[in-house]
């Protein structure tokens, strides 16, 4: 309607200009012709539909015509309908002017964005608490204004938003959680090799602790000691270690971590989803490496796993990390049009082309 009404108004002006040079006789002939055509159309259509833009234009053109003369005109609607359209047009104009004058000025968008940010980052804050934080920042708004902003954007009250989900709880504790697991790989001669790996929940960094055909208690315990020393070197703080109930994890294995204040969390029997992040990495390793490689022996397996570990931690993007790698942050987006016009991207092959890494040419 906003575009059609100006179009109709301009068309009517040009039609009026076209009538100026015409004589009265020509105008009378045209009026009689249009009236006859209108009578023919009225016999064919019971009740025509008039869009809002056409209603406004007819009401504006006929508002000065007296009611008796309106009854003499051959209109497609009743004269009372034309008068009602005109009253509606005047009332809407008055309501719009009243709304522009009444009420407080709208809240600035920057303040609205800040209110939404405070509510998003602090799920336990109600509108009163957010209002107090704004007052500390020197931003003067009414508490009811904060409440209206939250309600308009569909943000529930603080008691409803304060309920912590399991996903949020695990994300908050991820920096202190490790998960470990054994998986097997088969060499060309049919031998089975056990691979021991650990993943950090927070940044998804993987650590291959070793591979052996005979995972004895001493070997597993030594792998645990090596892991503890690596974590101490990087200053990592670990509170929990998730593992299954495999008999390879002996009491000596648990004692290494308990001595460092790490609590051992065992998964349920045949419940792999309790260690889902580790299980998912094992599946990724199989699909992207082991299922596409012929493993000659244990030394070849360790070499391939070390290459995959470097690729996984230093290059492979992760959805959980917003397309960053565990040891490499996501680069800044390219905004230079000239650089986007010509992209010189080079490929680096790992393990003979099984793994591909892409980077911009230096």
Protein backbone atom coordinates (compact mmCIF):
# COMPACT_ATOMS: atom_id res chain seq x y z
CA UNK A 1 0.00 0.00 0.00
CA UNK A 2 2.84 2.43 0.77
CA UNK A 3 4.03 2.31 -2.85
CA UNK A 4 0.68 1.86 -4.59
CA UNK A 5 -0.98 4.93 -3.03
CA UNK A 6 1.66 7.43 -4.31
CA UNK A 7 1.50 5.73 -7.70
CA UNK A 8 -2.27 6.16 -7.85
CA UNK A 9 -2.00 9.79 -6.75
CA UNK A 10 0.57 10.63 -9.45
CA UNK A 11 -1.50 8.81 -12.08
CA UNK A 12 -4.57 10.81 -11.08
CA UNK A 13 -2.65 14.09 -11.40
CA UNK A 14 -1.54 13.20 -14.92
CA UNK A 15 -5.10 12.19 -15.79
CA UNK A 16 -6.35 15.55 -14.53
CA UNK A 17 -3.75 17.37 -16.64
CA UNK A 18 -4.91 15.40 -19.67
CA UNK A 19 -8.49 16.62 -19.12
CA UNK A 20 -7.59 20.31 -19.05
CA UNK A 21 -7.40 20.89 -22.83
CA UNK A 22 -10.52 18.83 -23.54
CA UNK A 23 -13.81 20.53 -24.31
CA UNK A 24 -16.96 20.05 -22.22
CA UNK A 25 -18.58 17.99 -24.99
CA UNK A 26 -15.61 15.63 -25.16
CA UNK A 27 -15.65 15.27 -21.39
CA UNK A 28 -19.39 14.50 -21.39
CA UNK A 29 -18.92 11.84 -24.06
CA UNK A 30 -16.08 10.25 -22.06
CA UNK A 31 -18.17 10.32 -18.88
CA UNK A 32 -21.10 8.64 -20.62
CA UNK A 33 -18.79 6.00 -22.07
CA UNK A 34 -17.19 5.26 -18.68
CA UNK A 35 -20.60 5.11 -17.01
CA UNK A 36 -21.84 2.59 -19.53
CA UNK A 37 -18.71 0.46 -19.10
CA UNK A 38 -19.18 0.65 -15.31
CA UNK A 39 -22.80 -0.49 -15.66
CA UNK A 40 -21.70 -3.46 -17.76
CA UNK A 41 -19.06 -4.45 -15.18
CA UNK A 42 -21.51 -4.08 -12.29
CA UNK A 43 -23.86 -6.57 -13.96
CA UNK A 44 -21.00 -9.09 -14.15
CA UNK A 45 -19.48 -8.62 -10.68
CA UNK A 46 -21.64 -8.89 -7.57
CA UNK A 47 -19.32 -7.31 -5.03
CA UNK A 48 -15.99 -5.92 -6.21
CA UNK A 49 -12.96 -5.86 -3.92
CA UNK A 50 -11.31 -2.51 -3.33
CA UNK A 51 -7.71 -2.60 -1.99
CA UNK A 52 -6.74 -0.19 0.82
CA UNK A 53 -4.76 2.07 -1.52
CA UNK A 54 -7.74 2.45 -3.87
CA UNK A 55 -10.00 3.12 -0.90
CA UNK A 56 -7.77 5.96 0.28
CA UNK A 57 -7.63 7.51 -3.18
CA UNK A 58 -11.43 7.34 -3.70
CA UNK A 59 -12.05 8.77 -0.24
CA UNK A 60 -9.62 11.64 -0.92
CA UNK A 61 -11.21 12.46 -4.30
CA UNK A 62 -14.84 12.33 -3.14
CA UNK A 63 -14.62 13.77 0.39
CA UNK A 64 -15.75 17.24 -0.86
CA UNK A 65 -18.73 15.91 -2.82
CA UNK A 66 -22.04 16.34 -0.88
CA UNK A 67 -23.92 13.21 0.06
CA UNK A 68 -26.91 13.87 -2.30
CA UNK A 69 -24.55 14.15 -5.24
CA UNK A 70 -22.73 10.99 -4.16
CA UNK A 71 -26.00 9.09 -4.56
CA UNK A 72 -26.30 10.37 -8.15
CA UNK A 73 -22.84 9.08 -9.11
CA UNK A 74 -22.58 5.59 -10.48
CA UNK A 75 -20.03 4.25 -7.97
CA UNK A 76 -19.02 0.62 -7.48
CA UNK A 77 -19.67 1.03 -3.75
CA UNK A 78 -22.38 2.72 -1.72
CA UNK A 79 -21.97 6.41 -0.74
CA UNK A 80 -22.00 5.42 2.96
CA UNK A 81 -18.99 3.21 2.28
CA UNK A 82 -17.06 6.12 0.76
CA UNK A 83 -17.85 8.26 3.81
CA UNK A 84 -16.78 5.46 6.15
CA UNK A 85 -13.48 5.10 4.28
CA UNK A 86 -12.90 8.82 4.66
CA UNK A 87 -13.61 8.69 8.41
CA UNK A 88 -11.20 5.78 8.77
CA UNK A 89 -8.53 7.70 6.87
CA UNK A 90 -8.92 10.75 9.14
CA UNK A 91 -8.89 8.60 12.29
CA UNK A 92 -5.70 6.76 11.27
CA UNK A 93 -3.98 10.06 10.56
CA UNK A 94 -4.99 11.37 13.98
CA UNK A 95 -3.88 8.18 15.74
CA UNK A 96 -0.48 8.32 14.02
CA UNK A 97 0.03 11.94 15.05
CA UNK A 98 -1.01 11.13 18.62
CA UNK A 99 1.42 8.22 18.85
CA UNK A 100 4.26 10.40 17.63
CA UNK A 101 3.54 13.01 20.31
CA UNK A 102 2.73 10.77 23.28
CA UNK A 103 5.03 8.63 25.38
CA UNK A 104 8.70 8.61 26.24
CA UNK A 105 11.36 8.66 23.55
CA UNK A 106 12.58 5.20 22.47
CA UNK A 107 15.57 3.65 24.21
CA UNK A 108 18.81 3.92 22.30
CA UNK A 109 19.88 0.80 20.46
CA UNK A 110 23.25 0.74 22.21
CA UNK A 111 21.52 0.55 25.59
CA UNK A 112 19.19 -2.19 24.35
CA UNK A 113 22.16 -4.18 23.08
CA UNK A 114 23.94 -3.77 26.42
CA UNK A 115 20.85 -4.95 28.34
CA UNK A 116 20.60 -8.04 26.16
CA UNK A 117 24.30 -8.72 26.56
CA UNK A 118 24.10 -8.55 30.36
CA UNK A 119 21.11 -10.89 30.34
CA UNK A 120 22.86 -13.32 28.00
CA UNK A 121 26.11 -13.41 29.95
CA UNK A 122 24.45 -13.61 33.39
CA UNK A 123 21.56 -16.03 33.39
CA UNK A 124 20.78 -15.46 37.08
CA UNK A 125 20.36 -11.67 36.76
CA UNK A 126 16.83 -10.31 36.75
CA UNK A 127 15.80 -6.95 35.37
CA UNK A 128 16.44 -5.28 38.75
CA UNK A 129 19.99 -6.62 38.89
CA UNK A 130 20.65 -5.54 35.31
CA UNK A 131 19.23 -2.09 36.11
CA UNK A 132 21.65 -1.82 39.02
CA UNK A 133 24.60 -2.75 36.82
CA UNK A 134 23.58 -0.07 34.33
CA UNK A 135 23.44 2.46 37.15
CA UNK A 136 27.00 1.53 38.15
CA UNK A 137 28.03 2.25 34.55
CA UNK A 138 26.33 5.65 34.70
CA UNK A 139 23.50 4.68 32.33
CA UNK A 140 20.21 6.05 33.58
CA UNK A 141 17.16 4.04 32.55
CA UNK A 142 14.05 3.00 34.42
CA UNK A 143 13.74 -0.59 35.71
CA UNK A 144 10.52 -0.94 33.74
CA UNK A 145 12.45 -0.06 30.58
CA UNK A 146 14.86 -2.94 31.22
CA UNK A 147 11.92 -5.26 31.80
CA UNK A 148 10.27 -4.15 28.54
CA UNK A 149 13.49 -4.75 26.56
CA UNK A 150 13.84 -8.27 27.94
CA UNK A 151 10.19 -9.08 27.32
CA UNK A 152 10.26 -7.70 23.76
CA UNK A 153 13.17 -10.00 22.86
CA UNK A 154 11.59 -13.09 24.40
CA UNK A 155 14.04 -13.39 27.33
CA UNK A 156 12.49 -15.24 30.25
CA UNK A 157 12.71 -14.05 33.88
CA UNK A 158 15.85 -14.86 35.84
CA UNK A 159 14.45 -17.93 37.68
CA UNK A 160 13.67 -19.56 34.33
CA UNK A 161 17.02 -18.60 32.76
CA UNK A 162 18.96 -19.61 35.86
CA UNK A 163 18.32 -23.32 35.37
CA UNK A 164 21.60 -24.89 34.32
CA UNK A 165 21.50 -27.55 31.65
CA UNK A 166 23.84 -30.52 31.44
CA UNK A 167 25.46 -29.05 28.34
CA UNK A 168 26.19 -25.76 30.11
CA UNK A 169 27.48 -27.60 33.18
CA UNK A 170 29.87 -29.74 31.13
CA UNK A 171 31.11 -26.70 29.19
CA UNK A 172 31.86 -24.94 32.47
CA UNK A 173 33.80 -27.95 33.78
CA UNK A 174 35.49 -28.89 30.50
CA UNK A 175 38.78 -27.18 31.33
CA UNK A 176 39.33 -29.66 34.17
CA UNK A 177 38.28 -32.89 32.41
CA UNK A 178 40.42 -35.45 30.62
CA UNK A 179 39.19 -38.59 28.90
CA UNK A 180 41.21 -41.63 27.89
CA UNK A 181 40.59 -44.86 26.03
CA UNK A 182 42.24 -47.80 24.30
CA UNK A 183 41.52 -48.72 20.69
CA UNK A 184 43.04 -51.31 18.42
CA UNK A 185 44.70 -51.27 15.01
CA UNK A 186 45.57 -54.29 12.88
CA UNK A 187 48.84 -54.60 10.96
CA UNK A 188 49.35 -56.33 7.60
CA UNK A 189 50.48 -59.57 9.27
CA UNK A 190 47.26 -59.68 11.36
CA UNK A 191 48.79 -58.56 14.65
CA UNK A 192 46.66 -56.42 16.96
CA UNK A 193 48.24 -53.28 18.42
CA UNK A 194 46.63 -51.38 21.31
CA UNK A 195 46.76 -47.59 21.13
CA UNK A 196 46.37 -45.47 24.27
CA UNK A 197 45.14 -41.88 23.76
CA UNK A 198 43.92 -39.00 25.94
CA UNK A 199 41.82 -35.97 24.93
CA UNK A 200 41.26 -32.68 26.75
CA UNK A 201 37.59 -31.69 26.86
CA UNK A 202 38.17 -27.93 26.83
CA UNK A 203 40.29 -27.48 23.70
CA UNK A 204 39.96 -31.00 22.17
CA UNK A 205 43.71 -31.50 22.18
CA UNK A 206 44.62 -35.13 21.61
CA UNK A 207 47.67 -36.91 23.03
CA UNK A 208 48.84 -40.28 21.73
CA UNK A 209 50.50 -41.87 24.77
CA UNK A 210 51.80 -44.95 22.99
CA UNK A 211 51.04 -48.17 21.17
CA UNK A 212 51.92 -51.72 22.14
CA UNK A 213 50.91 -55.27 21.38
CA UNK A 214 50.96 -56.16 25.08
CA UNK A 215 49.53 -53.39 27.32
CA UNK A 216 50.81 -54.61 30.66
CA UNK A 217 50.12 -52.90 33.97
CA UNK A 218 53.64 -51.46 34.08
CA UNK A 219 53.32 -50.05 30.56
CA UNK A 220 49.97 -48.37 31.29
CA UNK A 221 51.25 -46.94 34.58
CA UNK A 222 54.32 -45.49 32.87
CA UNK A 223 52.08 -43.90 30.23
CA UNK A 224 50.09 -42.28 33.04
CA UNK A 225 53.28 -40.87 34.59
CA UNK A 226 54.35 -39.44 31.22
CA UNK A 227 50.93 -37.80 30.81
CA UNK A 228 51.11 -36.21 34.26
CA UNK A 229 54.54 -34.75 33.49
CA UNK A 230 53.32 -33.36 30.16
CA UNK A 231 50.36 -31.70 31.87
CA UNK A 232 52.64 -30.18 34.50
CA UNK A 233 54.94 -28.78 31.82
CA UNK A 234 52.10 -26.92 30.12
CA UNK A 235 50.53 -25.84 33.42
CA UNK A 236 47.24 -27.65 32.84
CA UNK A 237 44.87 -28.02 35.79
CA UNK A 238 42.98 -31.31 35.72
CA UNK A 239 40.37 -32.37 38.25
CA UNK A 240 38.71 -35.38 36.58
CA UNK A 241 39.78 -38.26 34.35
CA UNK A 242 37.07 -40.23 32.54
CA UNK A 243 37.83 -43.85 31.70
CA UNK A 244 35.93 -47.07 31.16
CA UNK A 245 36.10 -50.21 33.31
CA UNK A 246 38.74 -51.99 31.23
CA UNK A 247 41.00 -54.27 33.24
CA UNK A 248 44.05 -52.56 31.70
CA UNK A 249 43.50 -49.66 34.12
CA UNK A 250 45.05 -51.03 37.26
CA UNK A 251 45.11 -49.65 40.77
CA UNK A 252 48.62 -48.30 40.14
CA UNK A 253 47.28 -46.37 37.13
CA UNK A 254 44.63 -44.65 39.26
CA UNK A 255 47.12 -43.95 42.02
CA UNK A 256 49.29 -41.85 39.66
CA UNK A 257 46.42 -39.43 39.07
CA UNK A 258 45.03 -39.52 42.59
CA UNK A 259 48.43 -38.43 43.85
CA UNK A 260 48.02 -35.27 41.75
CA UNK A 261 44.49 -34.61 43.07
CA UNK A 262 42.74 -35.94 39.96
CA UNK A 263 39.51 -37.84 40.57
CA UNK A 264 38.89 -40.96 38.48
CA UNK A 265 35.40 -41.13 36.95
CA UNK A 266 34.47 -44.54 35.53
CA UNK A 267 31.77 -44.91 32.90
CA UNK A 268 28.88 -47.31 33.09
CA UNK A 269 29.04 -50.81 31.72
CA UNK A 270 28.48 -50.75 27.94
CA UNK A 271 27.62 -47.04 28.00
CA UNK A 272 30.09 -45.49 25.51
CA UNK A 273 28.11 -42.22 25.44
CA UNK A 274 29.43 -41.43 28.91
CA UNK A 275 32.82 -40.98 27.22
CA UNK A 276 31.40 -39.61 23.97
CA UNK A 277 34.13 -37.06 23.17
CA UNK A 278 36.86 -39.71 23.32
CA UNK A 279 34.77 -42.22 21.39
CA UNK A 280 34.12 -39.62 18.73
CA UNK A 281 37.82 -38.97 18.28
CA UNK A 282 38.50 -42.70 17.94
CA UNK A 283 35.90 -42.83 15.16
CA UNK A 284 37.51 -39.80 13.47
CA UNK A 285 40.92 -41.45 13.65
CA UNK A 286 39.58 -44.61 12.07
CA UNK A 287 37.68 -42.86 9.26
CA UNK A 288 40.37 -40.35 8.34
CA UNK A 289 43.52 -42.42 8.96
CA UNK A 290 43.37 -46.10 9.84
CA UNK A 291 40.68 -47.08 7.32
CA UNK A 292 42.73 -45.44 4.55
CA UNK A 293 46.19 -46.74 5.51
CA UNK A 294 47.93 -50.11 5.37
CA UNK A 295 49.83 -50.43 8.65
CA UNK A 296 53.05 -52.42 8.23
CA UNK A 297 54.11 -52.76 11.87
CA UNK A 298 54.02 -51.02 15.22
CA UNK A 299 56.68 -48.46 14.27
CA UNK A 300 54.73 -47.50 11.16
CA UNK A 301 51.54 -47.16 13.26
CA UNK A 302 53.25 -44.83 15.74
CA UNK A 303 54.59 -42.70 12.89
CA UNK A 304 51.14 -42.40 11.31
CA UNK A 305 49.49 -41.62 14.65
CA UNK A 306 52.06 -38.92 15.46
CA UNK A 307 51.42 -37.29 12.07
CA UNK A 308 47.68 -37.45 12.63
CA UNK A 309 48.10 -36.00 16.13
CA UNK A 310 50.03 -33.03 14.73
CA UNK A 311 47.44 -32.57 11.97
CA UNK A 312 44.50 -32.86 14.39
CA UNK A 313 45.91 -30.46 16.97
CA UNK A 314 47.47 -27.92 14.64
CA UNK A 315 45.28 -27.70 11.56
CA UNK A 316 42.00 -29.62 11.54
CA UNK A 317 39.04 -27.27 12.27
CA UNK A 318 36.55 -28.15 15.02
CA UNK A 319 32.93 -27.06 15.21
CA UNK A 320 33.13 -26.90 19.00
CA UNK A 321 36.00 -24.41 18.73
CA UNK A 322 34.23 -22.35 16.02
CA UNK A 323 36.42 -23.74 13.21
CA UNK A 324 39.67 -23.30 15.16
CA UNK A 325 42.19 -26.05 15.89
CA UNK A 326 43.19 -27.04 19.45
CA UNK A 327 46.64 -25.39 19.11
CA UNK A 328 45.76 -22.79 16.45
CA UNK A 329 43.15 -20.04 16.78
CA UNK A 330 40.89 -19.21 13.87
CA UNK A 331 42.41 -16.48 11.65
CA UNK A 332 40.80 -13.11 11.13
CA UNK A 333 38.34 -13.01 8.21
CA UNK A 334 39.67 -11.62 4.95
CA UNK A 335 37.98 -8.29 4.19
CA UNK A 336 40.34 -6.91 1.55
CA UNK A 337 38.53 -7.16 -1.84
CA UNK A 338 41.82 -7.28 -3.72
CA UNK A 339 42.98 -10.25 -1.70
CA UNK A 340 39.67 -12.05 -2.16
CA UNK A 341 39.88 -11.48 -5.90
CA UNK A 342 43.01 -13.60 -6.18
CA UNK A 343 43.54 -16.35 -3.60
CA UNK A 344 46.86 -18.20 -3.75
CA UNK A 345 46.17 -21.27 -1.59
CA UNK A 346 48.78 -24.02 -1.37
CA UNK A 347 48.30 -27.65 -0.31
CA UNK A 348 50.57 -29.62 1.97
CA UNK A 349 50.32 -33.39 1.99
CA UNK A 350 50.84 -35.57 5.04
CA UNK A 351 51.38 -39.33 5.01
CA UNK A 352 51.70 -39.45 1.26
CA UNK A 353 48.53 -37.49 0.54
CA UNK A 354 46.15 -39.15 2.98
CA UNK A 355 45.87 -35.88 4.91
CA UNK A 356 45.72 -32.48 3.21
CA UNK A 357 46.48 -29.11 4.78
CA UNK A 358 45.68 -25.85 2.96
CA UNK A 359 47.28 -22.48 3.66
CA UNK A 360 47.85 -19.15 1.93
CA UNK A 361 51.12 -18.82 0.06
CA UNK A 362 53.70 -16.76 1.90
